[in-house]
C-alpha atoms as a PDB file:
ATOM      1  CA  MET A   1      -7.151  45.670  29.872  1.00  0.00           C
ATOM      2  CA  MET A   2      -8.352  47.435  26.725  1.00  0.00           C
ATOM      3  CA  LYS A   3      -4.905  46.957  25.188  1.00  0.00           C
ATOM      4  CA  ARG A   4      -5.145  43.157  25.715  1.00  0.00           C
ATOM      5  CA  ILE A   5      -8.586  43.029  24.122  1.00  0.00           C
ATOM      6  CA  LEU A   6      -7.347  44.955  21.087  1.00  0.00           C
ATOM      7  CA  ILE A   7      -4.306  42.686  20.734  1.00  0.00           C
ATOM      8  CA  LEU A   8      -6.505  39.578  21.055  1.00  0.00           C
ATOM      9  CA  ALA A   9      -8.979  40.958  18.502  1.00  0.00           C
ATOM     10  CA  GLY A  10      -6.090  41.751  16.157  1.00  0.00           C
ATOM     11  CA  LEU A  11      -4.737  38.210  16.506  1.00  0.00           C
ATOM     12  CA  VAL A  12      -8.164  36.686  15.826  1.00  0.00           C
ATOM     13  CA  PHE A  13      -8.615  38.946  12.779  1.00  0.00           C
ATOM     14  CA  THR A  14      -5.138  38.062  11.450  1.00  0.00           C
ATOM     15  CA  MET A  15      -5.727  34.316  11.937  1.00  0.00           C
ATOM     16  CA  THR A  16      -9.123  34.551  10.236  1.00  0.00           C
ATOM     17  CA  MET A  17      -7.652  36.377   7.254  1.00  0.00           C
ATOM     18  CA  THR A  18      -4.796  33.847   7.030  1.00  0.00           C
ATOM     19  CA  MET A  19      -7.234  30.929   7.112  1.00  0.00           C
ATOM     20  CA  ASN A  20      -9.399  32.496   4.422  1.00  0.00           C
ATOM     21  CA  ALA A  21      -6.372  33.047   2.216  1.00  0.00           C
ATOM     22  CA  GLN A  22      -5.526  29.343   2.021  1.00  0.00           C
ATOM     23  CA  ARG A  23      -6.865  27.386  -0.917  1.00  0.00           C
ATOM     24  CA  ILE A  24      -7.620  23.738  -0.216  1.00  0.00           C
ATOM     25  CA  ALA A  25      -8.556  20.905  -2.549  1.00  0.00           C
ATOM     26  CA  ILE A  26      -9.497  17.276  -2.072  1.00  0.00           C
ATOM     27  CA  ILE A  27      -8.359  14.592  -4.536  1.00  0.00           C
ATOM     28  CA  ASP A  28      -9.110  10.874  -4.561  1.00  0.00           C
ATOM     29  CA  VAL A  29      -5.772   9.376  -5.645  1.00  0.00           C
ATOM     30  CA  SER A  30      -7.137   5.815  -5.549  1.00  0.00           C
ATOM     31  CA  SER A  31      -9.859   6.773  -7.996  1.00  0.00           C
ATOM     32  CA  ILE A  32      -7.286   8.297 -10.338  1.00  0.00           C
ATOM     33  CA  LEU A  33      -4.988   5.254 -10.158  1.00  0.00           C
ATOM     34  CA  GLU A  34      -7.848   2.816 -10.758  1.00  0.00           C
ATOM     35  CA  GLU A  35      -8.663   4.556 -14.051  1.00  0.00           C
ATOM     36  CA  MET A  36      -5.090   4.559 -15.339  1.00  0.00           C
ATOM     37  CA  SER A  37      -4.410   1.672 -17.721  1.00  0.00           C
ATOM     38  CA  ASP A  38      -0.684   1.641 -16.791  1.00  0.00           C
ATOM     39  CA  TYR A  39      -1.637   1.172 -13.148  1.00  0.00           C
ATOM     40  CA  LYS A  40      -4.113  -1.606 -13.961  1.00  0.00           C
ATOM     41  CA  VAL A  41      -1.468  -3.460 -15.996  1.00  0.00           C
ATOM     42  CA  ALA A  42       1.122  -3.059 -13.232  1.00  0.00           C
ATOM     43  CA  GLN A  43      -1.347  -4.210 -10.590  1.00  0.00           C
ATOM     44  CA  GLN A  44      -2.309  -7.249 -12.692  1.00  0.00           C
ATOM     45  CA  GLU A  45       1.370  -8.128 -13.088  1.00  0.00           C
ATOM     46  CA  VAL A  46       1.926  -7.867  -9.320  1.00  0.00           C
ATOM     47  CA  ASP A  47      -1.188  -9.999  -8.684  1.00  0.00           C
ATOM     48  CA  LYS A  48      -0.014 -12.624 -11.192  1.00  0.00           C
ATOM     49  CA  ILE A  49       3.435 -12.829  -9.576  1.00  0.00           C
ATOM     50  CA  ALA A  50       1.915 -13.049  -6.084  1.00  0.00           C
ATOM     51  CA  SER A  51      -0.421 -15.823  -7.218  1.00  0.00           C
ATOM     52  CA  ALA A  52       2.458 -17.822  -8.698  1.00  0.00           C
ATOM     53  CA  TRP A  53       4.489 -17.437  -5.511  1.00  0.00           C
ATOM     54  CA  ARG A  54       1.506 -18.465  -3.350  1.00  0.00           C
ATOM     55  CA  GLN A  55       1.072 -21.525  -5.524  1.00  0.00           C
ATOM     56  CA  GLU A  56       4.799 -22.345  -5.251  1.00  0.00           C
ATOM     57  CA  ILE A  57       4.610 -22.097  -1.456  1.00  0.00           C
ATOM     58  CA  GLY A  58       1.425 -24.202  -1.439  1.00  0.00           C
ATOM     59  CA  VAL A  59       3.247 -26.953  -3.337  1.00  0.00           C
ATOM     60  CA  GLU A  60       6.038 -26.881  -0.774  1.00  0.00           C
ATOM     61  CA  TYR A  61       3.544 -27.124   2.102  1.00  0.00           C
ATOM     62  CA  ASP A  62       1.926 -30.097   0.327  1.00  0.00           C
ATOM     63  CA  LYS A  63       5.349 -31.786   0.209  1.00  0.00           C
ATOM     64  CA  ILE A  64       5.757 -31.196   3.943  1.00  0.00           C
ATOM     65  CA  LYS A  65       2.301 -32.624   4.592  1.00  0.00           C
ATOM     66  CA  SER A  66       3.241 -35.670   2.535  1.00  0.00           C
ATOM     67  CA  LEU A  67       6.472 -36.076   4.522  1.00  0.00           C
ATOM     68  CA  TYR A  68       4.513 -35.836   7.765  1.00  0.00           C
ATOM     69  CA  ASN A  69       1.897 -38.369   6.630  1.00  0.00           C
ATOM     70  CA  LYS A  70       4.651 -40.768   5.588  1.00  0.00           C
ATOM     71  CA  TYR A  71       6.324 -40.267   8.951  1.00  0.00           C
ATOM     72  CA  GLN A  72       3.035 -40.959  10.770  1.00  0.00           C
ATOM     73  CA  ALA A  73       2.605 -44.193   8.822  1.00  0.00           C
ATOM     74  CA  GLU A  74       6.174 -45.413   9.437  1.00  0.00           C
ATOM     75  CA  GLN A  75       6.552 -44.091  12.974  1.00  0.00           C
ATOM     76  CA  VAL A  76       5.823 -47.422  14.653  1.00  0.00           C
ATOM     77  CA  LEU A  77       8.565 -49.161  12.658  1.00  0.00           C
ATOM     78  CA  LEU A  78      11.272 -46.517  13.156  1.00  0.00           C
ATOM     79  CA  SER A  79      13.956 -46.458  15.849  1.00  0.00           C
ATOM     80  CA  GLU A  80      14.211 -43.426  18.131  1.00  0.00           C
ATOM     81  CA  ASP A  81      17.160 -42.091  16.103  1.00  0.00           C
ATOM     82  CA  ALA A  82      15.269 -42.540  12.825  1.00  0.00           C
ATOM     83  CA  LYS A  83      12.206 -40.813  14.324  1.00  0.00           C
ATOM     84  CA  ALA A  84      14.316 -37.869  15.455  1.00  0.00           C
ATOM     85  CA  GLU A  85      15.939 -37.686  12.031  1.00  0.00           C
ATOM     86  CA  LYS A  86      12.549 -37.666  10.233  1.00  0.00           C
ATOM     87  CA  GLU A  87      11.155 -35.049  12.664  1.00  0.00           C
ATOM     88  CA  ASN A  88      14.197 -32.839  12.072  1.00  0.00           C
ATOM     89  CA  GLU A  89      13.778 -33.273   8.310  1.00  0.00           C
ATOM     90  CA  ILE A  90      10.134 -32.156   8.543  1.00  0.00           C
ATOM     91  CA  MET A  91      10.991 -29.214  10.810  1.00  0.00           C
ATOM     92  CA  GLU A  92      13.788 -28.093   8.463  1.00  0.00           C
ATOM     93  CA  ALA A  93      11.423 -28.298   5.491  1.00  0.00           C
ATOM     94  CA  GLU A  94       8.870 -26.162   7.379  1.00  0.00           C
ATOM     95  CA  LYS A  95      11.570 -23.655   8.322  1.00  0.00           C
ATOM     96  CA  THR A  96      12.691 -23.432   4.681  1.00  0.00           C
ATOM     97  CA  VAL A  97       9.146 -22.790   3.453  1.00  0.00           C
ATOM     98  CA  ARG A  98       8.538 -20.153   6.130  1.00  0.00           C
ATOM     99  CA  GLU A  99      11.756 -18.426   5.051  1.00  0.00           C
ATOM    100  CA  MET A 100      10.613 -18.590   1.436  1.00  0.00           C
ATOM    101  CA  GLN A 101       7.264 -17.106   2.447  1.00  0.00           C
ATOM    102  CA  LYS A 102       9.004 -14.319   4.365  1.00  0.00           C
ATOM    103  CA  GLN A 103      11.349 -13.635   1.430  1.00  0.00           C
ATOM    104  CA  ARG A 104       8.443 -13.414  -1.014  1.00  0.00           C
ATOM    105  CA  PHE A 105       5.734 -11.727   1.080  1.00  0.00           C
ATOM    106  CA  GLY A 106       7.558 -10.094   4.017  1.00  0.00           C
ATOM    107  CA  PRO A 107       7.611  -6.339   4.659  1.00  0.00           C
ATOM    108  CA  ASP A 108      10.777  -5.934   2.561  1.00  0.00           C
ATOM    109  CA  GLY A 109      10.132  -9.032   0.462  1.00  0.00           C
ATOM    110  CA  ASP A 110      10.187  -9.639  -3.254  1.00  0.00           C
ATOM    111  CA  LEU A 111       6.513  -8.733  -3.701  1.00  0.00           C
ATOM    112  CA  PHE A 112       7.013  -5.356  -2.001  1.00  0.00           C
ATOM    113  CA  LYS A 113      10.022  -4.657  -4.215  1.00  0.00           C
ATOM    114  CA  LYS A 114       8.187  -5.729  -7.370  1.00  0.00           C
ATOM    115  CA  ARG A 115       5.215  -3.536  -6.464  1.00  0.00           C
ATOM    116  CA  GLN A 116       7.566  -0.603  -5.918  1.00  0.00           C
ATOM    117  CA  GLU A 117       9.283  -1.256  -9.242  1.00  0.00           C
ATOM    118  CA  LEU A 118       6.042  -1.438 -11.223  1.00  0.00           C
ATOM    119  CA  VAL A 119       3.686   0.919  -9.379  1.00  0.00           C
ATOM    120  CA  GLN A 120       5.924   3.637  -7.949  1.00  0.00           C
ATOM    121  CA  PRO A 121       6.707   5.346 -11.304  1.00  0.00           C
ATOM    122  CA  ILE A 122       2.962   5.594 -12.000  1.00  0.00           C
ATOM    123  CA  GLN A 123       2.292   7.028  -8.541  1.00  0.00           C
ATOM    124  CA  GLU A 124       5.104   9.536  -9.007  1.00  0.00           C
ATOM    125  CA  LYS A 125       3.528  10.644 -12.307  1.00  0.00           C
ATOM    126  CA  VAL A 126       0.191  11.229 -10.538  1.00  0.00           C
ATOM    127  CA  TYR A 127       1.833  13.087  -7.625  1.00  0.00           C
ATOM    128  CA  SER A 128       3.858  15.332  -9.933  1.00  0.00           C
ATOM    129  CA  THR A 129       0.680  16.101 -11.903  1.00  0.00           C
ATOM    130  CA  ILE A 130      -1.113  16.965  -8.654  1.00  0.00           C
ATOM    131  CA  GLU A 131       1.795  19.177  -7.604  1.00  0.00           C
ATOM    132  CA  GLU A 132       1.745  20.906 -11.015  1.00  0.00           C
ATOM    133  CA  TYR A 133      -2.038  21.316 -10.767  1.00  0.00           C
ATOM    134  CA  ALA A 134      -1.729  22.825  -7.290  1.00  0.00           C
ATOM    135  CA  THR A 135       0.965  25.233  -8.398  1.00  0.00           C
ATOM    136  CA  ASP A 136      -0.918  26.290 -11.549  1.00  0.00           C
ATOM    137  CA  ARG A 137      -4.193  26.849  -9.677  1.00  0.00           C
ATOM    138  CA  GLY A 138      -2.694  28.386  -6.533  1.00  0.00           C
ATOM    139  CA  TYR A 139      -3.785  25.714  -4.033  1.00  0.00           C
ATOM    140  CA  ASP A 140      -2.069  25.745  -0.673  1.00  0.00           C
ATOM    141  CA  ILE A 141      -3.149  22.312   0.504  1.00  0.00           C
ATOM    142  CA  ILE A 142      -4.451  19.244  -1.291  1.00  0.00           C
ATOM    143  CA  PHE A 143      -5.664  16.284   0.711  1.00  0.00           C
ATOM    144  CA  ASP A 144      -6.014  12.721  -0.536  1.00  0.00           C
ATOM    145  CA  LYS A 145      -9.477  11.716   0.557  1.00  0.00           C
ATOM    146  CA  ALA A 146      -8.681   8.047  -0.123  1.00  0.00           C
ATOM    147  CA  GLY A 147      -5.629   8.176   2.144  1.00  0.00           C
ATOM    148  CA  SER A 148      -5.462   8.059   5.897  1.00  0.00           C
ATOM    149  CA  ALA A 149      -5.517  11.838   6.335  1.00  0.00           C
ATOM    150  CA  GLY A 150      -8.400  11.589   8.771  1.00  0.00           C
ATOM    151  CA  ILE A 151     -10.852  13.697   6.800  1.00  0.00           C
ATOM    152  CA  LEU A 152     -14.338  12.815   7.862  1.00  0.00           C
ATOM    153  CA  PHE A 153     -16.266  15.313   5.741  1.00  0.00           C
ATOM    154  CA  THR A 154     -15.458  17.175   2.569  1.00  0.00           C
ATOM    155  CA  SER A 155     -17.575  19.397   0.404  1.00  0.00           C
ATOM    156  CA  ASP A 156     -17.868  18.311  -3.230  1.00  0.00           C
ATOM    157  CA  GLU A 157     -16.867  21.854  -4.070  1.00  0.00           C
ATOM    158  CA  TYR A 158     -13.276  20.999  -3.064  1.00  0.00           C
ATOM    159  CA  ASP A 159     -13.022  17.617  -4.820  1.00  0.00           C
ATOM    160  CA  LYS A 160     -10.746  18.203  -7.808  1.00  0.00           C
ATOM    161  CA  THR A 161     -10.292  14.534  -8.768  1.00  0.00           C
ATOM    162  CA  GLY A 162     -12.121  14.978 -12.079  1.00  0.00           C
ATOM    163  CA  GLU A 163      -9.932  17.896 -13.104  1.00  0.00           C
ATOM    164  CA  VAL A 164      -6.721  15.957 -12.346  1.00  0.00           C
ATOM    165  CA  LYS A 165      -8.107  12.967 -14.312  1.00  0.00           C
ATOM    166  CA  ARG A 166      -8.788  15.252 -17.287  1.00  0.00           C
ATOM    167  CA  LYS A 167      -5.279  16.685 -17.008  1.00  0.00           C
ATOM    168  CA  LEU A 168      -3.928  13.108 -17.139  1.00  0.00           C
ATOM    169  CA  GLY A 169      -6.150  12.432 -20.153  1.00  0.00           C
ATOM    170  CA  LEU A 170      -8.422   9.958 -18.344  1.00  0.00           C
ATOM    171  CA  LYS A 171     -11.764  11.744 -18.774  1.00  0.00           C
END
C-alpha cells in the first residue's frame, strides 16, 4: 500500500514538474494580419474581385428575370411546345448561373484559389516568424487566441502579439 502511494506521489510530482517546464504564449494572428499592409492590399484585391463576380452574377440573374417576365407576358399566346421550350430556356439559364456561382464562390472555387494565392504567402511569413520567435525564446506552445483553439481565458502575461508585431516591424 505504501509503495503505491509513493509511486502515485512520484507520478504527480513528475507531471507537475513537466507542466511547469513548458513555456506557453498566446498570439492574436488576426490582429497581426490586420496591421500588415501587404495583407490589407491582398484582402482588398480579393474583395474587389468578389464584388465584380457578384455583380456579374447579378446581371445574369437580371437577364433570367427578364426572360421569365417576357415568358409570363407571352404565355397566353404560346403553344404548349413553345411554352415548354421557353421554360427549358429559363431553367437552363438558371442552371448556368448557378454553375457560375459555384465556380466562383464554391468551396474550391475561383475566389478560394485567389485568396490562397494572395493571402497564403503573407500568412506563411507570419507563421514562420512565430515559429522563429518560439524557437528563439524557448516557448513550447503558442496558441492563436483569434483561432478556434477553444481558449476561454488567457492572462495578458502570455499574450506575445505585440512582440511578434515588433519583430515584423509593425510597431
